[in-house]
Amino acid sequence: MEANHIQTNAEFSPTERDAVYKCIFNRRDVRGQFLPDPIPDDVLARLLRAAHHAPSVGFMQPWDFIVVRDAAIKRKVRDSFQTAHLEAAEMFENERQRTYRALKLEGIVEAPIGICITCDRSRSGPVVIGRTHQPEMDLYSAVCAVQNLWLAARAENVGVGWVSILRHDDLRGALGIPPSIQPIAYLCVGYVSHFFQKPELETAGWLPRIPLTDVLWIDRWHARCDSDPLFERL
């Protein structure tokens, strides 16, 4: 390999490493703390570049990004959420339903911008390296773009909320997305008044965080080895 293809600054210093972990552990799904302050274009450009540098199967880069600023379009997306939200509430029972109805689950209109990330499953043609036996890998690649954007936003002190209580066809209709394109995520993006110390659903008692040791196995499914030194580090 030619020398000009090799990174010369690939190593992270301890400070840089710690900053990455801080970003991961402090990422939050934001719903109700959005401020009206606009996001400067240079900041938004950095977030989109980070998303565009996500890993993708066969380097197919299947994503597109729709930046939503128009208030009328946001209202269409919010109306679609409200319909799905009412349907979702009926899927829970008793106290669970009451808790669900009390949760703030979106900031579609409040957030200065929305970003919809999609997946073009036909990009790069019918045969893609790494997708020959797992065709869903293009969808996972687009989700990696979501995570890249989310972590970059947290590092910029920008909040992100993923609105998943939406029908794909409703989102297609609101944003003019062709039937052949798969919506992956509608994200509410903006500066916030604060970030919560813990995820909101954990704080609300919806579910606790599962201990890592309860979902970690060695060599095969459900094979636990508590004497493995790895468990002493968790």
Protein backbone atom coordinates (compact mmCIF):
# COMPACT_ATOMS: atom_id res chain seq x y z
CA MET A 1 0.00 0.00 0.00
CA GLU A 2 1.31 3.42 -0.91
CA ALA A 3 2.32 5.62 2.02
CA ASN A 4 -0.15 8.36 1.05
CA HIS A 5 -3.00 5.89 1.73
CA ILE A 6 -1.97 5.40 5.37
CA GLN A 7 -3.26 7.65 8.13
CA THR A 8 -0.49 9.39 10.02
CA ASN A 9 -2.68 10.71 12.87
CA ALA A 10 -4.83 7.64 13.52
CA GLU A 11 -4.11 7.24 17.23
CA PHE A 12 -6.32 8.88 19.86
CA SER A 13 -4.79 10.51 22.89
CA PRO A 14 -6.26 9.53 26.30
CA THR A 15 -8.09 12.87 26.39
CA GLU A 16 -9.61 12.30 22.95
CA ARG A 17 -10.56 8.73 23.89
CA ASP A 18 -12.28 9.92 27.07
CA ALA A 19 -14.21 12.54 25.10
CA VAL A 20 -15.61 9.83 22.80
CA TYR A 21 -16.83 7.77 25.75
CA LYS A 22 -18.27 10.87 27.42
CA CYS A 23 -20.25 11.57 24.27
CA ILE A 24 -21.57 8.00 24.10
CA PHE A 25 -22.63 7.83 27.75
CA ASN A 26 -24.23 11.29 27.69
CA ARG A 27 -26.21 10.89 24.47
CA ARG A 28 -29.93 11.32 25.11
CA ASP A 29 -33.17 11.03 23.13
CA VAL A 30 -34.52 14.58 23.44
CA ARG A 31 -38.24 15.26 23.32
CA GLY A 32 -39.29 18.27 25.35
CA GLN A 33 -36.34 20.57 25.97
CA PHE A 34 -35.88 22.17 22.53
CA LEU A 35 -35.05 25.87 22.30
CA PRO A 36 -36.07 28.02 19.31
CA ASP A 37 -32.45 29.05 18.67
CA PRO A 38 -31.43 28.26 15.07
CA ILE A 39 -28.61 25.85 14.36
CA PRO A 40 -25.84 27.64 12.43
CA ASP A 41 -25.23 26.22 8.98
CA ASP A 42 -21.61 25.38 9.80
CA VAL A 43 -22.73 23.25 12.75
CA LEU A 44 -25.44 21.55 10.70
CA ALA A 45 -22.92 20.89 7.93
CA ARG A 46 -20.61 19.17 10.43
CA LEU A 47 -23.43 16.94 11.63
CA LEU A 48 -24.35 15.93 8.09
CA ARG A 49 -20.72 15.27 7.16
CA ALA A 50 -20.41 13.04 10.22
CA ALA A 51 -23.52 11.12 9.18
CA HIS A 52 -22.23 10.80 5.61
CA HIS A 53 -19.01 9.24 6.93
CA ALA A 54 -20.83 6.32 8.53
CA PRO A 55 -19.73 2.81 7.57
CA SER A 56 -21.79 1.16 4.87
CA VAL A 57 -21.91 -2.32 3.41
CA GLY A 58 -20.00 -2.48 0.13
CA PHE A 59 -19.40 1.28 0.53
CA MET A 60 -22.83 1.72 -1.07
CA GLN A 61 -23.71 4.78 1.07
CA PRO A 62 -27.46 4.14 0.75
CA TRP A 63 -28.62 7.18 2.70
CA ASP A 64 -30.18 10.50 1.74
CA PHE A 65 -30.82 13.39 4.14
CA ILE A 66 -33.89 15.63 4.06
CA VAL A 67 -33.48 18.76 6.20
CA VAL A 68 -36.94 19.99 7.22
CA ARG A 69 -37.28 23.69 8.10
CA ASP A 70 -40.79 24.46 6.80
CA ALA A 71 -43.32 24.81 9.66
CA ALA A 72 -46.20 23.48 7.56
CA ILE A 73 -44.31 20.30 6.74
CA LYS A 74 -43.40 19.84 10.40
CA ARG A 75 -47.08 20.09 11.28
CA LYS A 76 -47.90 17.36 8.73
CA VAL A 77 -45.31 15.10 10.34
CA ARG A 78 -46.63 15.96 13.81
CA ASP A 79 -50.20 15.18 12.74
CA SER A 80 -49.03 11.79 11.46
CA PHE A 81 -47.36 11.17 14.80
CA GLN A 82 -50.52 12.09 16.71
CA THR A 83 -52.55 9.53 14.76
CA ALA A 84 -50.01 6.78 15.37
CA HIS A 85 -49.57 7.86 19.00
CA LEU A 86 -53.28 7.38 19.75
CA GLU A 87 -53.17 3.95 18.14
CA ALA A 88 -50.07 2.99 20.09
CA ALA A 89 -51.65 3.99 23.41
CA GLU A 90 -54.38 1.40 22.88
CA MET A 91 -51.74 -1.34 22.65
CA PHE A 92 -50.88 -0.91 26.33
CA GLU A 93 -53.14 -1.70 29.26
CA ASN A 94 -54.04 -0.20 32.63
CA GLU A 95 -51.19 1.63 34.38
CA ARG A 96 -48.85 1.05 31.45
CA GLN A 97 -51.27 2.90 29.19
CA ARG A 98 -51.62 5.78 31.62
CA THR A 99 -47.83 6.08 31.85
CA TYR A 100 -47.51 5.97 28.06
CA ARG A 101 -50.08 8.73 27.58
CA ALA A 102 -48.20 10.93 30.06
CA LEU A 103 -44.88 10.62 28.26
CA LYS A 104 -43.57 13.36 25.97
CA LEU A 105 -42.46 11.40 22.92
CA GLU A 106 -41.67 14.00 20.26
CA GLY A 107 -40.59 17.58 19.63
CA ILE A 108 -41.45 17.77 15.95
CA VAL A 109 -42.83 21.31 15.89
CA GLU A 110 -40.68 22.68 18.73
CA ALA A 111 -37.33 21.63 17.24
CA PRO A 112 -35.80 24.20 14.84
CA ILE A 113 -35.21 21.54 12.21
CA GLY A 114 -36.07 17.96 11.39
CA ILE A 115 -33.78 15.58 9.55
CA CYS A 116 -35.16 12.53 7.79
CA ILE A 117 -32.62 9.85 6.91
CA THR A 118 -33.64 7.35 4.25
CA CYS A 119 -32.23 4.25 2.59
CA ASP A 120 -32.09 3.74 -1.19
CA ARG A 121 -31.93 -0.05 -1.34
CA SER A 122 -31.17 -0.04 -5.09
CA ARG A 123 -28.08 2.15 -4.83
CA SER A 124 -24.96 0.51 -6.30
CA GLY A 125 -27.03 -2.05 -8.20
CA PRO A 126 -28.56 -5.44 -7.34
CA VAL A 127 -25.35 -7.11 -6.11
CA VAL A 128 -23.39 -5.40 -3.34
CA ILE A 129 -20.30 -6.68 -1.55
CA GLY A 130 -21.26 -7.84 1.94
CA ARG A 131 -24.99 -7.84 1.19
CA THR A 132 -25.13 -11.02 -0.87
CA HIS A 133 -26.30 -13.15 2.07
CA GLN A 134 -27.63 -10.48 4.45
CA PRO A 135 -29.70 -8.12 2.29
CA GLU A 136 -30.76 -6.06 5.32
CA MET A 137 -27.21 -4.74 5.72
CA ASP A 138 -28.08 -1.61 3.72
CA LEU A 139 -30.72 -0.74 6.33
CA TYR A 140 -28.19 -1.23 9.12
CA SER A 141 -25.77 0.99 7.25
CA ALA A 142 -28.31 3.81 7.18
CA VAL A 143 -28.87 3.35 10.92
CA CYS A 144 -25.11 3.82 11.38
CA ALA A 145 -25.53 7.22 9.70
CA VAL A 146 -28.21 8.04 12.29
CA GLN A 147 -25.89 7.12 15.14
CA ASN A 148 -23.00 9.10 13.66
CA LEU A 149 -25.19 12.20 13.41
CA TRP A 150 -26.54 11.67 16.93
CA LEU A 151 -23.11 11.40 18.55
CA ALA A 152 -21.76 14.34 16.56
CA ALA A 153 -24.77 16.39 17.66
CA ARG A 154 -24.14 15.54 21.30
CA ALA A 155 -20.53 16.64 20.92
CA GLU A 156 -21.86 19.94 19.51
CA ASN A 157 -24.28 20.25 22.50
CA VAL A 158 -27.19 19.83 20.09
CA GLY A 159 -30.14 17.65 21.07
CA VAL A 160 -31.63 14.92 18.88
CA GLY A 161 -34.91 13.02 19.24
CA TRP A 162 -35.78 10.02 17.07
CA VAL A 163 -39.52 9.91 16.28
CA SER A 164 -40.38 6.29 15.50
CA ILE A 165 -44.13 6.41 16.19
CA LEU A 166 -44.90 7.14 12.53
CA ARG A 167 -46.11 5.14 9.60
CA HIS A 168 -43.55 5.06 6.81
CA ASP A 169 -46.16 5.92 4.17
CA ASP A 170 -47.33 8.95 6.17
CA LEU A 171 -43.74 10.18 6.30
CA ARG A 172 -43.34 9.55 2.60
CA GLY A 173 -46.45 11.61 1.94
CA ALA A 174 -45.35 14.52 4.13
CA LEU A 175 -41.85 14.70 2.66
CA GLY A 176 -42.44 13.59 -0.94
CA ILE A 177 -40.36 10.42 -0.54
CA PRO A 178 -40.80 7.95 -3.45
CA PRO A 179 -42.33 4.53 -2.67
CA SER A 180 -39.05 2.81 -3.55
CA ILE A 181 -37.13 4.66 -0.82
CA GLN A 182 -37.22 3.35 2.76
CA PRO A 183 -37.51 5.96 5.52
CA ILE A 184 -35.17 5.09 8.37
CA ALA A 185 -35.44 7.91 10.91
CA TYR A 186 -37.17 11.22 11.44
CA LEU A 187 -34.98 13.21 13.84
CA CYS A 188 -35.89 16.38 15.76
CA VAL A 189 -32.73 18.47 16.03
CA GLY A 190 -31.98 21.62 18.00
CA TYR A 191 -30.30 23.22 20.97
CA VAL A 192 -31.90 22.35 24.30
CA SER A 193 -32.38 23.88 27.73
CA HIS A 194 -30.75 20.84 29.35
CA PHE A 195 -29.86 17.18 28.92
CA PHE A 196 -31.21 14.66 31.41
CA GLN A 197 -28.78 12.76 33.58
CA LYS A 198 -30.43 9.46 32.61
CA PRO A 199 -32.64 8.46 29.67
CA GLU A 200 -36.18 9.75 30.22
CA LEU A 201 -37.79 6.33 30.01
CA GLU A 202 -35.41 5.02 32.65
CA THR A 203 -36.14 8.00 34.91
CA ALA A 204 -39.90 7.58 34.35
CA GLY A 205 -39.68 3.96 35.49
CA TRP A 206 -40.72 2.55 32.11
CA LEU A 207 -37.81 0.11 32.10
CA PRO A 208 -34.51 -0.16 33.98
CA ARG A 209 -31.11 -0.38 32.30
CA ILE A 210 -30.17 -4.05 31.96
CA PRO A 211 -26.82 -4.91 33.58
CA LEU A 212 -24.24 -5.71 30.92
CA THR A 213 -23.34 -8.92 32.75
CA ASP A 214 -26.91 -10.17 32.15
CA VAL A 215 -26.53 -10.02 28.37
CA LEU A 216 -22.89 -11.08 27.93
CA TRP A 217 -21.90 -14.62 26.98
CA ILE A 218 -18.56 -16.26 26.18
CA ASP A 219 -18.04 -18.37 23.04
CA ARG A 220 -21.68 -19.45 22.61
CA TRP A 221 -25.26 -18.36 23.34
CA HIS A 222 -26.13 -18.26 27.04
CA ALA A 223 -22.74 -19.62 28.03
CA ARG A 224 -21.72 -17.75 31.16
CA CYS A 225 -18.29 -17.87 32.69
CA ASP A 226 -18.25 -15.60 35.73
CA SER A 227 -14.63 -16.51 36.37
CA ASP A 228 -13.62 -14.93 33.07
CA PRO A 229 -11.52 -11.86 33.95
CA LEU A 230 -13.62 -9.74 31.61
CA PHE A 231 -16.52 -9.86 34.07
CA GLU A 232 -14.35 -8.33 36.75
CA ARG A 233 -14.02 -5.22 34.57
CA LEU A 234 -17.73 -4.66 34.04
